[in-house]
């Protein structure tokens, strides 16, 4: 799958099959994160792969919108090292996590980036050192078909903006020409 095709196909998946993910696929997803660029090549990230069902259930209880984490066969917890890169740890970790999302999509997996969590609970549960901040949780698994009326309505009402609405040419407010 080409990168642009993975970008087009990627969507937030909140229902997963119980099928385990091979270690090879998980390794490729983590390798994609490892290869991400970072400020001064500091690589201020650490990723915790959670497959234990009980730990995933506890993670799912930590956020208002995180309940589906219990059914995802893998949850990857992305952490940024505040001491190693005080100004850029969030951006750098987010770039690495986006590499994971696109690689998972290319591998035929679904993902959902989760920002709904209690950081202190996650840190305690996973023994994360103080210098790290939990940036996001990433649910990973094979998508399960589920009728999602709310999602369908939301995507109908709030469609992706046109290129001319999000990009300018030469100066702000001069819309970038689109082929529409």
C-alpha atoms as a PDB file:
ATOM      1  CA  UNK A   1       0.000   0.000   0.000  1.00  0.00           C
ATOM      2  CA  UNK A   2       1.353   3.420  -0.945  1.00  0.00           C
ATOM      3  CA  UNK A   3       1.656   6.048   1.806  1.00  0.00           C
ATOM      4  CA  UNK A   4      -1.028   8.316   0.327  1.00  0.00           C
ATOM      5  CA  UNK A   5      -3.405   5.362   0.077  1.00  0.00           C
ATOM      6  CA  UNK A   6      -2.808   4.574   3.775  1.00  0.00           C
ATOM      7  CA  UNK A   7      -3.542   8.215   4.628  1.00  0.00           C
ATOM      8  CA  UNK A   8      -6.788   8.070   2.646  1.00  0.00           C
ATOM      9  CA  UNK A   9      -7.884   4.737   4.177  1.00  0.00           C
ATOM     10  CA  UNK A  10      -6.999   5.538   7.775  1.00  0.00           C
ATOM     11  CA  UNK A  11      -9.935   6.153  10.074  1.00  0.00           C
ATOM     12  CA  UNK A  12     -10.554   5.910  13.788  1.00  0.00           C
ATOM     13  CA  UNK A  13     -11.640   2.373  14.651  1.00  0.00           C
ATOM     14  CA  UNK A  14     -13.482   1.804  17.908  1.00  0.00           C
ATOM     15  CA  UNK A  15     -14.547  -1.838  17.461  1.00  0.00           C
ATOM     16  CA  UNK A  16     -12.041  -4.681  17.144  1.00  0.00           C
ATOM     17  CA  UNK A  17     -11.985  -8.401  16.476  1.00  0.00           C
ATOM     18  CA  UNK A  18     -10.323 -10.501  19.160  1.00  0.00           C
ATOM     19  CA  UNK A  19      -7.789 -11.829  16.620  1.00  0.00           C
ATOM     20  CA  UNK A  20      -4.259 -11.428  17.984  1.00  0.00           C
ATOM     21  CA  UNK A  21      -1.748  -9.329  16.053  1.00  0.00           C
ATOM     22  CA  UNK A  22       1.442 -11.076  14.992  1.00  0.00           C
ATOM     23  CA  UNK A  23       4.669 -10.039  16.643  1.00  0.00           C
ATOM     24  CA  UNK A  24       6.065  -9.209  13.183  1.00  0.00           C
ATOM     25  CA  UNK A  25       3.314  -6.637  12.578  1.00  0.00           C
ATOM     26  CA  UNK A  26       3.816  -5.092  16.007  1.00  0.00           C
ATOM     27  CA  UNK A  27       7.560  -4.950  15.386  1.00  0.00           C
ATOM     28  CA  UNK A  28       7.017  -3.150  12.019  1.00  0.00           C
ATOM     29  CA  UNK A  29       4.697  -0.651  13.702  1.00  0.00           C
ATOM     30  CA  UNK A  30       7.297   0.049  16.392  1.00  0.00           C
ATOM     31  CA  UNK A  31      10.058   0.226  13.772  1.00  0.00           C
ATOM     32  CA  UNK A  32       8.059   2.911  11.943  1.00  0.00           C
ATOM     33  CA  UNK A  33       8.037   4.924  15.166  1.00  0.00           C
ATOM     34  CA  UNK A  34      11.749   4.367  15.707  1.00  0.00           C
ATOM     35  CA  UNK A  35      12.496   5.738  12.238  1.00  0.00           C
ATOM     36  CA  UNK A  36      10.519   8.961  12.796  1.00  0.00           C
ATOM     37  CA  UNK A  37      12.349  12.280  12.723  1.00  0.00           C
ATOM     38  CA  UNK A  38      12.862  14.251  15.923  1.00  0.00           C
ATOM     39  CA  UNK A  39      14.395  17.570  16.917  1.00  0.00           C
ATOM     40  CA  UNK A  40      18.187  17.188  17.058  1.00  0.00           C
ATOM     41  CA  UNK A  41      17.567  13.431  16.585  1.00  0.00           C
ATOM     42  CA  UNK A  42      17.013  13.105  20.348  1.00  0.00           C
ATOM     43  CA  UNK A  43      14.175  10.582  19.889  1.00  0.00           C
ATOM     44  CA  UNK A  44      12.507  11.503  23.208  1.00  0.00           C
ATOM     45  CA  UNK A  45       9.942   8.715  23.106  1.00  0.00           C
ATOM     46  CA  UNK A  46       9.214   5.387  24.678  1.00  0.00           C
ATOM     47  CA  UNK A  47       6.374   3.057  23.708  1.00  0.00           C
ATOM     48  CA  UNK A  48       4.732   0.452  25.910  1.00  0.00           C
ATOM     49  CA  UNK A  49       2.935  -2.358  24.083  1.00  0.00           C
ATOM     50  CA  UNK A  50       0.065  -3.625  26.220  1.00  0.00           C
ATOM     51  CA  UNK A  51      -1.506  -6.953  25.295  1.00  0.00           C
ATOM     52  CA  UNK A  52      -2.584  -8.189  28.739  1.00  0.00           C
ATOM     53  CA  UNK A  53      -6.426  -8.135  28.796  1.00  0.00           C
ATOM     54  CA  UNK A  54      -6.635  -7.080  32.445  1.00  0.00           C
ATOM     55  CA  UNK A  55      -4.254  -4.151  31.947  1.00  0.00           C
ATOM     56  CA  UNK A  56      -6.188  -3.102  28.813  1.00  0.00           C
ATOM     57  CA  UNK A  57      -9.434  -3.192  30.847  1.00  0.00           C
ATOM     58  CA  UNK A  58      -7.857  -0.909  33.437  1.00  0.00           C
ATOM     59  CA  UNK A  59      -6.657   1.482  30.724  1.00  0.00           C
ATOM     60  CA  UNK A  60     -10.188   1.494  29.253  1.00  0.00           C
ATOM     61  CA  UNK A  61     -11.664   2.585  32.588  1.00  0.00           C
ATOM     62  CA  UNK A  62      -9.317   5.574  32.828  1.00  0.00           C
ATOM     63  CA  UNK A  63     -10.984   7.792  30.233  1.00  0.00           C
ATOM     64  CA  UNK A  64     -14.499   8.832  29.375  1.00  0.00           C
ATOM     65  CA  UNK A  65     -14.059   7.893  25.701  1.00  0.00           C
ATOM     66  CA  UNK A  66     -11.617   5.013  26.145  1.00  0.00           C
ATOM     67  CA  UNK A  67     -13.933   2.067  26.847  1.00  0.00           C
ATOM     68  CA  UNK A  68     -13.133   0.304  23.567  1.00  0.00           C
ATOM     69  CA  UNK A  69      -9.477  -0.094  24.609  1.00  0.00           C
ATOM     70  CA  UNK A  70     -10.525  -3.230  26.472  1.00  0.00           C
ATOM     71  CA  UNK A  71     -11.401  -5.002  23.217  1.00  0.00           C
ATOM     72  CA  UNK A  72      -8.419  -3.838  21.142  1.00  0.00           C
ATOM     73  CA  UNK A  73      -5.873  -6.686  21.197  1.00  0.00           C
ATOM     74  CA  UNK A  74      -3.018  -4.180  21.508  1.00  0.00           C
ATOM     75  CA  UNK A  75      -2.774  -0.775  23.125  1.00  0.00           C
ATOM     76  CA  UNK A  76       0.429   1.180  22.566  1.00  0.00           C
ATOM     77  CA  UNK A  77       1.128   3.850  25.158  1.00  0.00           C
ATOM     78  CA  UNK A  78       3.224   6.680  23.736  1.00  0.00           C
ATOM     79  CA  UNK A  79       5.402   8.509  26.256  1.00  0.00           C
ATOM     80  CA  UNK A  80       7.576  11.580  25.752  1.00  0.00           C
ATOM     81  CA  UNK A  81      10.744  12.308  27.734  1.00  0.00           C
ATOM     82  CA  UNK A  82      10.362  15.855  29.098  1.00  0.00           C
ATOM     83  CA  UNK A  83      13.951  16.037  30.313  1.00  0.00           C
ATOM     84  CA  UNK A  84      15.576  14.805  27.115  1.00  0.00           C
ATOM     85  CA  UNK A  85      13.726  17.303  24.926  1.00  0.00           C
ATOM     86  CA  UNK A  86      11.770  19.844  27.004  1.00  0.00           C
ATOM     87  CA  UNK A  87      10.506  21.854  24.021  1.00  0.00           C
ATOM     88  CA  UNK A  88       9.818  19.107  21.486  1.00  0.00           C
ATOM     89  CA  UNK A  89       8.955  15.840  23.261  1.00  0.00           C
ATOM     90  CA  UNK A  90       5.216  16.159  22.507  1.00  0.00           C
ATOM     91  CA  UNK A  91       5.621  16.949  18.806  1.00  0.00           C
ATOM     92  CA  UNK A  92       8.344  14.345  18.309  1.00  0.00           C
ATOM     93  CA  UNK A  93       6.345  11.598  20.019  1.00  0.00           C
ATOM     94  CA  UNK A  94       3.223  12.548  18.042  1.00  0.00           C
ATOM     95  CA  UNK A  95       5.163  12.295  14.758  1.00  0.00           C
ATOM     96  CA  UNK A  96       6.408   8.830  15.741  1.00  0.00           C
ATOM     97  CA  UNK A  97       2.880   7.761  16.686  1.00  0.00           C
ATOM     98  CA  UNK A  98       1.496   8.968  13.346  1.00  0.00           C
ATOM     99  CA  UNK A  99       4.113   6.777  11.653  1.00  0.00           C
ATOM    100  CA  UNK A 100       2.680   3.889  13.689  1.00  0.00           C
ATOM    101  CA  UNK A 101      -0.884   4.717  12.620  1.00  0.00           C
ATOM    102  CA  UNK A 102       0.016   4.756   8.924  1.00  0.00           C
ATOM    103  CA  UNK A 103       2.063   1.567   9.173  1.00  0.00           C
ATOM    104  CA  UNK A 104      -0.757  -0.219  10.999  1.00  0.00           C
ATOM    105  CA  UNK A 105      -3.160   0.876   8.252  1.00  0.00           C
ATOM    106  CA  UNK A 106      -0.808  -0.474   5.585  1.00  0.00           C
ATOM    107  CA  UNK A 107      -0.676  -3.759   7.542  1.00  0.00           C
ATOM    108  CA  UNK A 108      -4.474  -4.075   7.344  1.00  0.00           C
ATOM    109  CA  UNK A 109      -5.036  -3.028  10.944  1.00  0.00           C
ATOM    110  CA  UNK A 110      -7.259  -0.370  12.434  1.00  0.00           C
ATOM    111  CA  UNK A 111      -6.193   2.177  15.020  1.00  0.00           C
ATOM    112  CA  UNK A 112      -7.655   4.878  17.185  1.00  0.00           C
ATOM    113  CA  UNK A 113      -5.631   7.641  18.764  1.00  0.00           C
ATOM    114  CA  UNK A 114      -6.909   8.084  22.325  1.00  0.00           C
ATOM    115  CA  UNK A 115      -6.395  11.222  24.371  1.00  0.00           C
ATOM    116  CA  UNK A 116      -9.029  10.358  26.982  1.00  0.00           C
ATOM    117  CA  UNK A 117      -7.046   8.919  29.894  1.00  0.00           C
ATOM    118  CA  UNK A 118      -5.964   9.660  33.442  1.00  0.00           C
ATOM    119  CA  UNK A 119      -2.233  10.159  33.135  1.00  0.00           C
ATOM    120  CA  UNK A 120      -1.414   9.424  36.767  1.00  0.00           C
ATOM    121  CA  UNK A 121      -3.350   6.148  36.643  1.00  0.00           C
ATOM    122  CA  UNK A 122      -1.608   5.114  33.413  1.00  0.00           C
ATOM    123  CA  UNK A 123       1.813   6.007  34.806  1.00  0.00           C
ATOM    124  CA  UNK A 124       1.191   4.061  38.001  1.00  0.00           C
ATOM    125  CA  UNK A 125      -0.273   1.031  36.194  1.00  0.00           C
ATOM    126  CA  UNK A 126       2.665   0.805  33.757  1.00  0.00           C
ATOM    127  CA  UNK A 127       5.506   1.988  36.049  1.00  0.00           C
ATOM    128  CA  UNK A 128       6.302   4.990  33.849  1.00  0.00           C
ATOM    129  CA  UNK A 129       9.088   7.191  35.283  1.00  0.00           C
ATOM    130  CA  UNK A 130       8.316  10.794  36.289  1.00  0.00           C
ATOM    131  CA  UNK A 131      10.403  12.339  33.499  1.00  0.00           C
ATOM    132  CA  UNK A 132       7.992  10.875  30.926  1.00  0.00           C
ATOM    133  CA  UNK A 133       4.617  12.336  30.015  1.00  0.00           C
ATOM    134  CA  UNK A 134       1.948  10.106  28.514  1.00  0.00           C
ATOM    135  CA  UNK A 135       1.163  11.686  25.135  1.00  0.00           C
ATOM    136  CA  UNK A 136      -1.513   9.315  23.814  1.00  0.00           C
ATOM    137  CA  UNK A 137      -2.781   5.759  23.790  1.00  0.00           C
ATOM    138  CA  UNK A 138      -3.114   3.951  20.484  1.00  0.00           C
ATOM    139  CA  UNK A 139      -5.628   1.136  20.086  1.00  0.00           C
ATOM    140  CA  UNK A 140      -4.524  -1.357  17.430  1.00  0.00           C
ATOM    141  CA  UNK A 141      -6.352  -4.346  15.993  1.00  0.00           C
ATOM    142  CA  UNK A 142      -8.351  -5.833  13.167  1.00  0.00           C
ATOM    143  CA  UNK A 143     -11.480  -3.721  12.623  1.00  0.00           C
ATOM    144  CA  UNK A 144     -14.803  -5.295  13.556  1.00  0.00           C
ATOM    145  CA  UNK A 145     -17.827  -4.245  11.548  1.00  0.00           C
ATOM    146  CA  UNK A 146     -20.127  -2.234  13.760  1.00  0.00           C
ATOM    147  CA  UNK A 147     -22.897   0.099  12.746  1.00  0.00           C
ATOM    148  CA  UNK A 148     -21.953   3.505  14.124  1.00  0.00           C
ATOM    149  CA  UNK A 149     -24.812   5.924  13.515  1.00  0.00           C
ATOM    150  CA  UNK A 150     -23.161   8.701  15.532  1.00  0.00           C
ATOM    151  CA  UNK A 151     -19.953   8.414  13.506  1.00  0.00           C
ATOM    152  CA  UNK A 152     -21.816   8.354  10.201  1.00  0.00           C
ATOM    153  CA  UNK A 153     -23.871  11.429  11.128  1.00  0.00           C
ATOM    154  CA  UNK A 154     -20.783  13.254  12.383  1.00  0.00           C
ATOM    155  CA  UNK A 155     -18.843  12.540   9.176  1.00  0.00           C
ATOM    156  CA  UNK A 156     -21.816  13.655   7.091  1.00  0.00           C
ATOM    157  CA  UNK A 157     -22.218  16.916   9.018  1.00  0.00           C
ATOM    158  CA  UNK A 158     -18.518  17.597   9.570  1.00  0.00           C
ATOM    159  CA  UNK A 159     -16.823  16.613   6.341  1.00  0.00           C
ATOM    160  CA  UNK A 160     -13.136  17.140   5.639  1.00  0.00           C
ATOM    161  CA  UNK A 161     -12.473  20.746   4.727  1.00  0.00           C
ATOM    162  CA  UNK A 162     -11.461  21.697   1.201  1.00  0.00           C
ATOM    163  CA  UNK A 163      -7.779  22.296   0.544  1.00  0.00           C
ATOM    164  CA  UNK A 164      -8.500  25.973  -0.150  1.00  0.00           C
ATOM    165  CA  UNK A 165      -9.899  26.277   3.402  1.00  0.00           C
ATOM    166  CA  UNK A 166      -6.827  24.929   5.158  1.00  0.00           C
ATOM    167  CA  UNK A 167      -3.917  26.128   3.014  1.00  0.00           C
ATOM    168  CA  UNK A 168      -2.782  29.514   1.722  1.00  0.00           C
ATOM    169  CA  UNK A 169      -0.365  30.429  -1.040  1.00  0.00           C
ATOM    170  CA  UNK A 170       2.355  32.971  -0.260  1.00  0.00           C
ATOM    171  CA  UNK A 171       0.392  34.642   2.582  1.00  0.00           C
ATOM    172  CA  UNK A 172      -2.405  33.799   4.965  1.00  0.00           C
ATOM    173  CA  UNK A 173      -5.839  34.219   3.424  1.00  0.00           C
ATOM    174  CA  UNK A 174      -4.750  33.751  -0.193  1.00  0.00           C
ATOM    175  CA  UNK A 175      -6.363  30.317  -0.805  1.00  0.00           C
ATOM    176  CA  UNK A 176      -4.186  27.595  -2.225  1.00  0.00           C
ATOM    177  CA  UNK A 177      -5.649  26.680  -5.626  1.00  0.00           C
ATOM    178  CA  UNK A 178      -7.535  23.397  -5.623  1.00  0.00           C
ATOM    179  CA  UNK A 179      -8.679  21.179  -8.459  1.00  0.00           C
ATOM    180  CA  UNK A 180     -12.285  21.188  -7.234  1.00  0.00           C
END
